[in-house]
Amino acid sequence: MPNFVTGHATHPDWRMAVALAAAQIAAQRAPLDAGPAGPPTLGFAYLTDAYASQAAELLEDLRQRWPGVAWVGCAGVGVAASGVEYFDEPALALMLCDLPAGCFEVFSGVRPLHRIAAFSALVHADPGTPDLAELIAEMGDRTESGYLFGGLAASRAASVHLADGVWQGGLSGVAFTEDVALLSRVTQGCQPVGPLRTITRAERNLVAELDGLPAMPCLLRDLGLDADLDPRDALPRLRAALAGLSDAGQPGVGRGGQFGPDVRVRHLVGLDPRRQAVALAEIVEPGMRLAFCTRDVEAARRDLVRICSEIREELNPEAADGLGGAAPARRIEGAIYVSCAGRGGPHFGGPSAELQLLRHALGDVPLVGFFAGGEIAHHHVYGYTGVLTVFTGGA
């Protein structure tokens, strides 16, 4: 089974941060190096944007410390480790594992996939890339499962991502064969404020009709506002409103009136009072489902606990195997958590509150991640969500 070890630190000097994280990793690797475990082969490196301009030097330092390790990662406005997050400060989080070399392949714009039969993939991308949604969908098509996970780099400096090099623009990451056991879940951060509706007339990003009715009165009604109200008087409520979109035929809203994992939350970018239409930050088509929503802290907390519970239930060693015996026990070996830059501790009630809730619900497993400008799951880019992916192995 693969062994995962992590290290994380904050320091004004990236060299000191790497040294502090490396010391933590060395302490965790010591008993592994004394046993049958192999050397690390794959590393994940997430750094806050304070280090973005030194990313190339930082990556070279990692290569010298751990020769033969392939590195992937990116910059975010914050980074995460088990139970802790670093926001608005220079910090990094590292994780190494000893996956067999034939089970993964690092890719980038100059190094396309060609060596393995990709089943799933971790993807990092520059949010400024033209036609990014199409590139992500195309990448999903290149995997057997169609499942991607990851996020968009978020930075007030350069939006860099790492894949055995430092890149700007496009996407990069690491693909895995079917031999690498993964479980992944999307946790939503918004709560519907109205019914799930069907888009019946639309033009590019403009929703003209919902369920055959003008869209703008539907929005006002779902927000509890008078449909005859001047939109200018409703601006405070409208600024807080968002739209949850799902494709035709998908459920959209699941148990307890919560958004399902297929829903992508998008901003409202304008109103057209003359046409009684609502403009969204995504191209829409008739037949898609839409529910207006707002951010909701309690709903986000409940949903984060829910996905952790689902993962733990799926790994339950007491689950029947259908042949009258018990299924082989599995456990979490390591985890990657990509959360929206608009979430994090302040949204959940205090510093590191989101990661502490995650650790309490999931256990103190090796985990790293970052706070993104958009979260990738399946073959879509999400917003205001968290994407939790765990690597599993036998007990």
Protein backbone atom coordinates (compact mmCIF):
# COMPACT_ATOMS: atom_id res chain seq x y z
CA MET A 1 0.00 0.00 0.00
CA PRO A 2 1.26 3.56 -0.62
CA ASN A 3 2.72 5.58 2.25
CA PHE A 4 1.90 9.30 2.48
CA VAL A 5 3.78 11.86 4.60
CA THR A 6 3.23 15.60 4.89
CA GLY A 7 4.92 18.77 6.05
CA HIS A 8 3.73 22.37 6.18
CA ALA A 9 5.11 25.68 7.42
CA THR A 10 4.92 29.44 7.21
CA HIS A 11 7.94 31.74 7.05
CA PRO A 12 8.81 35.00 5.23
CA ASP A 13 11.70 33.15 3.54
CA TRP A 14 10.53 30.24 1.36
CA ARG A 15 13.83 28.43 2.03
CA MET A 16 13.08 28.29 5.74
CA ALA A 17 9.51 27.16 5.07
CA VAL A 18 10.79 24.30 2.88
CA ALA A 19 13.36 23.34 5.52
CA LEU A 20 10.73 23.27 8.28
CA ALA A 21 8.34 21.17 6.18
CA ALA A 22 11.19 18.86 5.13
CA ALA A 23 12.09 18.25 8.77
CA GLN A 24 8.51 17.10 9.46
CA ILE A 25 8.61 14.81 6.44
CA ALA A 26 11.98 13.35 7.47
CA ALA A 27 10.61 12.49 10.91
CA GLN A 28 7.63 10.69 9.37
CA ARG A 29 9.77 8.92 6.76
CA ALA A 30 12.34 7.62 9.26
CA PRO A 31 10.43 4.47 10.28
CA LEU A 32 9.42 3.88 6.64
CA ASP A 33 13.02 4.13 5.42
CA ALA A 34 14.03 1.59 8.06
CA GLY A 35 11.44 -0.90 6.76
CA PRO A 36 10.33 -2.30 3.43
CA ALA A 37 8.81 0.95 2.11
CA GLY A 38 10.20 2.26 -1.15
CA PRO A 39 11.53 5.79 -1.71
CA PRO A 40 9.02 8.56 -2.46
CA THR A 41 8.12 8.89 -6.12
CA LEU A 42 5.39 11.56 -6.29
CA GLY A 43 5.13 14.87 -4.46
CA PHE A 44 2.36 17.45 -4.13
CA ALA A 45 3.42 21.05 -3.44
CA TYR A 46 0.94 23.83 -2.67
CA LEU A 47 2.22 27.32 -1.94
CA THR A 48 0.55 30.60 -1.15
CA ASP A 49 0.85 33.32 -3.73
CA ALA A 50 3.49 35.07 -1.60
CA TYR A 51 5.92 32.45 -2.96
CA ALA A 52 4.62 32.48 -6.55
CA SER A 53 7.46 34.55 -7.94
CA GLN A 54 10.02 32.16 -6.38
CA ALA A 55 8.23 29.00 -7.56
CA ALA A 56 11.03 27.91 -9.91
CA GLU A 57 13.70 28.17 -7.21
CA LEU A 58 11.43 26.45 -4.71
CA LEU A 59 10.78 23.56 -7.08
CA GLU A 60 14.52 23.16 -7.71
CA ASP A 61 15.09 22.97 -3.95
CA LEU A 62 12.47 20.20 -3.68
CA ARG A 63 14.14 18.26 -6.49
CA GLN A 64 17.53 18.44 -4.76
CA ARG A 65 16.10 17.32 -1.43
CA TRP A 66 14.16 14.41 -2.93
CA PRO A 67 15.87 13.22 -6.14
CA GLY A 68 13.69 11.16 -8.43
CA VAL A 69 10.39 12.57 -7.11
CA ALA A 70 7.91 13.96 -9.68
CA TRP A 71 6.24 17.14 -8.42
CA VAL A 72 2.81 18.65 -9.08
CA GLY A 73 0.97 21.52 -7.41
CA CYS A 74 0.09 25.19 -7.73
CA ALA A 75 -0.24 28.52 -5.97
CA GLY A 76 -3.34 29.57 -4.04
CA VAL A 77 -4.40 32.48 -1.86
CA GLY A 78 -4.23 29.93 0.93
CA VAL A 79 -2.92 26.42 1.51
CA ALA A 80 -4.23 23.65 3.73
CA ALA A 81 -2.96 20.72 5.76
CA SER A 82 -4.65 18.44 8.27
CA GLY A 83 -6.50 20.71 10.70
CA VAL A 84 -4.80 23.94 9.63
CA GLU A 85 -4.98 26.53 6.87
CA TYR A 86 -2.66 29.39 5.97
CA PHE A 87 -4.29 32.49 4.47
CA ASP A 88 -2.67 35.78 3.49
CA GLU A 89 0.75 34.68 4.70
CA PRO A 90 3.78 33.03 3.05
CA ALA A 91 3.32 29.31 3.51
CA LEU A 92 3.46 25.92 1.82
CA ALA A 93 2.15 22.40 2.28
CA LEU A 94 3.95 19.32 0.93
CA MET A 95 2.95 15.68 0.64
CA LEU A 96 5.06 12.78 -0.64
CA CYS A 97 4.04 9.23 -1.46
CA ASP A 98 5.66 6.10 -2.86
CA LEU A 99 3.21 5.12 -5.60
CA PRO A 100 4.75 2.72 -8.15
CA ALA A 101 6.13 4.71 -11.10
CA GLY A 102 3.92 2.88 -13.61
CA CYS A 103 0.74 3.97 -11.79
CA PHE A 104 0.96 7.69 -12.53
CA GLU A 105 2.16 10.15 -15.13
CA VAL A 106 2.77 13.88 -14.81
CA PHE A 107 1.49 15.98 -17.71
CA SER A 108 1.53 19.60 -18.87
CA GLY A 109 1.06 21.63 -22.03
CA VAL A 110 4.52 20.63 -23.26
CA ARG A 111 4.34 17.07 -21.97
CA PRO A 112 1.04 15.41 -22.95
CA LEU A 113 -0.10 12.08 -21.58
CA HIS A 114 1.19 9.11 -23.55
CA ARG A 115 2.68 6.49 -21.22
CA ILE A 116 -0.17 5.16 -19.09
CA ALA A 117 -3.86 4.30 -19.48
CA ALA A 118 -5.23 7.19 -17.45
CA PHE A 119 -8.22 6.36 -15.28
CA SER A 120 -8.48 9.61 -13.28
CA ALA A 121 -6.42 12.78 -12.93
CA LEU A 122 -5.52 15.60 -10.58
CA VAL A 123 -5.64 18.85 -12.57
CA HIS A 124 -4.37 22.35 -11.83
CA ALA A 125 -5.05 25.22 -14.23
CA ASP A 126 -4.48 28.91 -14.85
CA PRO A 127 -7.88 30.67 -14.62
CA GLY A 128 -6.88 33.10 -17.37
CA THR A 129 -6.59 30.35 -19.97
CA PRO A 130 -8.90 30.82 -22.99
CA ASP A 131 -11.49 28.05 -23.49
CA LEU A 132 -10.52 26.53 -20.15
CA ALA A 133 -13.85 24.72 -19.71
CA GLU A 134 -13.35 22.98 -23.05
CA LEU A 135 -9.77 22.00 -22.15
CA ILE A 136 -10.94 20.49 -18.87
CA ALA A 137 -13.75 18.58 -20.59
CA GLU A 138 -11.24 17.30 -23.18
CA MET A 139 -8.92 16.18 -20.39
CA GLY A 140 -11.82 14.34 -18.78
CA ASP A 141 -12.44 12.54 -22.07
CA ARG A 142 -8.86 11.28 -22.00
CA THR A 143 -9.43 9.39 -18.76
CA GLU A 144 -11.31 6.09 -18.64
CA SER A 145 -13.52 7.14 -15.72
CA GLY A 146 -13.99 10.72 -16.93
CA TYR A 147 -13.21 11.85 -13.39
CA LEU A 148 -10.96 14.85 -12.71
CA PHE A 149 -10.32 16.61 -9.41
CA GLY A 150 -8.30 19.71 -8.58
CA GLY A 151 -8.67 23.45 -8.98
CA LEU A 152 -7.66 26.73 -10.57
CA ALA A 153 -4.60 28.53 -9.26
CA ALA A 154 -5.53 31.63 -7.26
CA SER A 155 -2.98 34.37 -6.89
CA ARG A 156 -2.61 38.12 -6.54
CA ALA A 157 0.68 37.64 -8.40
CA ALA A 158 1.42 35.08 -11.09
CA SER A 159 -1.06 32.17 -11.37
CA VAL A 160 1.54 29.41 -11.45
CA HIS A 161 1.07 25.66 -11.47
CA LEU A 162 3.71 22.95 -11.10
CA ALA A 163 4.23 19.77 -13.09
CA ASP A 164 7.93 18.92 -13.12
CA GLY A 165 8.32 22.56 -14.09
CA VAL A 166 6.63 25.88 -13.41
CA TRP A 167 3.87 26.87 -15.81
CA GLN A 168 1.56 29.79 -16.52
CA GLY A 169 -1.47 29.33 -18.76
CA GLY A 170 -3.12 26.05 -19.69
CA LEU A 171 -3.41 23.11 -17.33
CA SER A 172 -1.19 20.45 -15.83
CA GLY A 173 -1.30 17.71 -13.25
CA VAL A 174 -0.90 14.01 -12.74
CA ALA A 175 -2.96 11.13 -14.14
CA PHE A 176 -3.45 7.83 -12.35
CA THR A 177 -4.13 4.32 -13.57
CA GLU A 178 -7.02 2.25 -12.24
CA ASP A 179 -4.57 0.65 -9.79
CA VAL A 180 -4.54 3.85 -7.73
CA ALA A 181 -7.66 3.62 -5.54
CA LEU A 182 -9.40 6.97 -5.09
CA LEU A 183 -12.64 8.23 -3.59
CA SER A 184 -13.77 11.79 -4.28
CA ARG A 185 -16.71 13.95 -3.20
CA VAL A 186 -17.91 17.52 -3.84
CA THR A 187 -19.24 19.54 -0.91
CA GLN A 188 -21.48 22.51 -1.66
CA GLY A 189 -21.42 25.85 0.13
CA CYS A 190 -24.75 27.34 -0.97
CA GLN A 191 -28.40 26.75 -0.08
CA PRO A 192 -31.32 27.02 -2.57
CA VAL A 193 -33.74 29.84 -1.73
CA GLY A 194 -36.32 28.86 -4.32
CA PRO A 195 -37.55 25.86 -6.29
CA LEU A 196 -35.55 24.01 -8.91
CA ARG A 197 -36.66 25.45 -12.25
CA THR A 198 -36.11 24.58 -15.89
CA ILE A 199 -34.62 27.12 -18.28
CA THR A 200 -37.14 27.36 -21.12
CA ARG A 201 -35.66 30.28 -23.07
CA ALA A 202 -32.08 31.52 -23.12
CA GLU A 203 -29.54 33.30 -25.27
CA ARG A 204 -25.88 32.66 -24.46
CA ASN A 205 -25.54 33.71 -20.79
CA LEU A 206 -28.95 35.40 -20.61
CA VAL A 207 -31.79 33.47 -18.97
CA ALA A 208 -35.02 34.83 -20.43
CA GLU A 209 -37.58 32.35 -19.13
CA LEU A 210 -37.82 29.81 -16.30
CA ASP A 211 -40.64 27.27 -16.44
CA GLY A 212 -42.15 29.41 -19.21
CA LEU A 213 -42.18 32.55 -17.03
CA PRO A 214 -40.00 35.68 -17.27
CA ALA A 215 -36.82 35.01 -15.33
CA MET A 216 -36.41 38.26 -13.40
CA PRO A 217 -39.76 38.08 -11.55
CA CYS A 218 -38.88 34.47 -10.64
CA LEU A 219 -35.61 35.68 -9.13
CA LEU A 220 -37.32 38.42 -7.10
CA ARG A 221 -40.04 36.05 -5.93
CA ASP A 222 -37.51 33.39 -4.83
CA LEU A 223 -35.63 36.04 -2.85
CA GLY A 224 -38.85 37.05 -1.12
CA LEU A 225 -39.02 40.41 -2.89
CA ASP A 226 -41.96 42.13 -4.55
CA ALA A 227 -41.94 41.27 -8.25
CA ASP A 228 -42.87 44.91 -9.01
CA LEU A 229 -39.95 46.25 -6.99
CA ASP A 230 -37.45 48.45 -8.79
CA PRO A 231 -34.32 46.27 -9.17
CA ARG A 232 -32.21 49.18 -7.90
CA ASP A 233 -34.02 49.00 -4.55
CA ALA A 234 -33.30 45.28 -4.35
CA LEU A 235 -29.55 45.55 -4.97
CA PRO A 236 -28.38 44.43 -1.49
CA ARG A 237 -30.31 41.15 -1.79
CA LEU A 238 -29.45 40.73 -5.46
CA ARG A 239 -25.73 41.12 -4.80
CA ALA A 240 -25.91 38.19 -2.38
CA ALA A 241 -27.82 35.98 -4.81
CA LEU A 242 -26.24 33.25 -6.93
CA ALA A 243 -27.54 30.64 -9.33
CA GLY A 244 -27.06 26.88 -9.05
CA LEU A 245 -26.99 25.27 -12.50
CA SER A 246 -27.20 21.62 -13.51
CA ASP A 247 -27.52 19.92 -16.87
CA ALA A 248 -30.81 18.61 -18.18
CA GLY A 249 -31.70 15.26 -16.67
CA GLN A 250 -29.60 15.72 -13.53
CA PRO A 251 -31.37 15.91 -10.15
CA GLY A 252 -29.81 19.19 -8.99
CA VAL A 253 -31.33 19.18 -5.52
CA GLY A 254 -30.89 16.10 -3.35
CA ARG A 255 -31.88 14.98 0.11
CA GLY A 256 -32.95 17.68 2.57
CA GLY A 257 -33.23 20.29 -0.17
CA GLN A 258 -29.43 20.51 -0.52
CA PHE A 259 -27.64 20.93 -3.83
CA GLY A 260 -26.29 17.71 -5.30
CA PRO A 261 -22.70 17.27 -6.56
CA ASP A 262 -23.71 18.05 -10.16
CA VAL A 263 -24.70 21.66 -9.38
CA ARG A 264 -22.32 24.47 -10.42
CA VAL A 265 -22.86 27.77 -8.61
CA ARG A 266 -22.47 30.85 -10.77
CA HIS A 267 -22.67 34.60 -10.17
CA LEU A 268 -25.46 36.82 -11.41
CA VAL A 269 -23.72 39.38 -13.61
CA GLY A 270 -26.65 41.56 -14.63
CA LEU A 271 -30.37 42.12 -15.06
CA ASP A 272 -32.28 43.17 -18.17
CA PRO A 273 -35.47 44.86 -16.91
CA ARG A 274 -36.69 45.49 -20.45
CA ARG A 275 -36.59 41.78 -21.31
CA GLN A 276 -37.19 40.68 -17.70
CA ALA A 277 -34.08 38.49 -18.03
CA VAL A 278 -31.18 37.50 -15.76
CA ALA A 279 -27.55 37.28 -16.93
CA LEU A 280 -25.26 34.61 -15.45
CA ALA A 281 -21.52 34.02 -15.52
CA GLU A 282 -21.94 30.95 -17.75
CA ILE A 283 -23.39 30.05 -21.12
CA VAL A 284 -26.78 28.41 -20.58
CA GLU A 285 -29.16 26.42 -22.76
CA PRO A 286 -32.87 25.57 -22.64
CA GLY A 287 -33.44 22.40 -20.67
CA MET A 288 -30.80 23.15 -18.03
CA ARG A 289 -32.00 23.30 -14.42
CA LEU A 290 -31.57 26.39 -12.23
CA ALA A 291 -32.22 27.24 -8.59
CA PHE A 292 -31.39 30.64 -7.14
CA CYS A 293 -29.32 30.37 -3.98
CA THR A 294 -27.24 32.17 -1.37
CA ARG A 295 -24.17 31.20 0.61
CA ASP A 296 -25.05 29.42 3.84
CA VAL A 297 -22.52 28.60 6.57
CA GLU A 298 -24.59 25.96 8.37
CA ALA A 299 -25.45 24.22 5.09
CA ALA A 300 -21.74 24.22 4.18
CA ARG A 301 -20.78 22.70 7.54
CA ARG A 302 -23.42 19.99 7.29
CA ASP A 303 -22.46 19.13 3.74
CA LEU A 304 -18.75 18.88 4.59
CA VAL A 305 -19.55 16.43 7.39
CA ARG A 306 -21.83 14.53 5.01
CA ILE A 307 -19.16 13.86 2.39
CA CYS A 308 -16.71 12.72 5.06
CA SER A 309 -19.35 10.35 6.43
CA GLU A 310 -20.03 8.98 2.95
CA ILE A 311 -16.34 8.28 2.40
CA ARG A 312 -15.95 6.59 5.77
CA GLU A 313 -19.06 4.48 5.15
CA GLU A 314 -17.70 3.36 1.80
CA LEU A 315 -14.48 2.27 3.50
CA ASN A 316 -16.35 0.50 6.31
CA PRO A 317 -14.69 -2.91 6.79
CA GLU A 318 -17.97 -4.41 7.96
CA ALA A 319 -19.64 -3.87 4.59
CA ALA A 320 -20.84 -7.11 3.06
CA ASP A 321 -19.12 -8.32 -0.08
CA GLY A 322 -22.23 -10.06 -1.39
CA LEU A 323 -20.74 -13.51 -0.82
CA GLY A 324 -21.60 -13.85 2.84
CA GLY A 325 -18.29 -12.51 4.11
CA ALA A 326 -16.83 -9.15 4.98
CA ALA A 327 -15.32 -6.89 2.37
CA PRO A 328 -11.56 -6.30 2.69
CA ALA A 329 -10.85 -3.43 5.06
CA ARG A 330 -9.70 -0.19 3.44
CA ARG A 331 -8.37 2.96 5.00
CA ILE A 332 -7.40 6.46 3.95
CA GLU A 333 -3.69 6.71 3.16
CA GLY A 334 -3.64 10.36 2.08
CA ALA A 335 -5.97 13.13 0.96
CA ILE A 336 -6.14 16.28 -1.18
CA TYR A 337 -8.66 19.00 -0.39
CA VAL A 338 -9.32 21.89 -2.78
CA SER A 339 -11.62 24.55 -1.37
CA CYS A 340 -12.95 27.80 -2.80
CA ALA A 341 -10.98 30.93 -1.94
CA GLY A 342 -14.31 32.33 -0.71
CA ARG A 343 -14.62 29.61 1.94
CA GLY A 344 -11.94 28.91 4.55
CA GLY A 345 -11.91 29.64 8.26
CA PRO A 346 -13.49 33.11 8.23
CA HIS A 347 -16.53 31.77 6.41
CA PHE A 348 -16.76 28.78 8.76
CA GLY A 349 -16.40 30.83 11.93
CA GLY A 350 -12.71 31.25 12.69
CA PRO A 351 -9.13 30.55 11.58
CA SER A 352 -8.73 26.98 10.27
CA ALA A 353 -12.34 26.16 11.21
CA GLU A 354 -13.02 24.42 7.88
CA LEU A 355 -9.93 22.23 8.12
CA GLN A 356 -10.56 21.43 11.78
CA LEU A 357 -14.09 20.36 10.92
CA LEU A 358 -12.68 18.22 8.13
CA ARG A 359 -10.12 16.58 10.43
CA HIS A 360 -12.74 15.90 13.09
CA ALA A 361 -15.06 14.26 10.55
CA LEU A 362 -12.41 12.40 8.54
CA GLY A 363 -9.71 11.68 11.09
CA ASP A 364 -6.14 12.97 11.29
CA VAL A 365 -5.03 11.64 7.91
CA PRO A 366 -2.14 13.01 5.80
CA LEU A 367 -3.77 15.87 3.86
CA VAL A 368 -2.70 18.86 1.80
CA GLY A 369 -4.57 21.24 -0.45
CA PHE A 370 -5.16 24.82 -1.44
CA PHE A 371 -7.79 27.54 -1.76
CA ALA A 372 -8.64 27.92 -5.42
CA GLY A 373 -10.17 30.35 -7.88
CA GLY A 374 -12.50 27.55 -8.99
CA GLU A 375 -12.71 23.88 -8.06
CA ILE A 376 -12.49 21.04 -10.58
CA ALA A 377 -14.55 17.87 -10.20
CA HIS A 378 -15.81 15.41 -12.81
CA HIS A 379 -15.26 17.57 -15.92
CA HIS A 380 -16.67 20.87 -14.61
CA VAL A 381 -15.36 23.97 -12.85
CA TYR A 382 -17.30 24.69 -9.65
CA GLY A 383 -17.54 27.65 -7.29
CA TYR A 384 -18.01 27.95 -3.51
CA THR A 385 -17.40 24.21 -3.14
CA GLY A 386 -14.80 21.91 -1.66
CA VAL A 387 -13.45 18.86 -3.50
CA LEU A 388 -12.16 16.13 -1.21
CA THR A 389 -10.22 13.22 -2.73
CA VAL A 390 -8.75 10.40 -0.68
CA PHE A 391 -6.21 7.75 -1.65
CA THR A 392 -7.18 4.43 -0.13
CA GLY A 393 -5.39 1.18 0.62
CA GLY A 394 -5.84 -2.08 2.50
CA ALA A 395 -5.60 -2.23 6.26
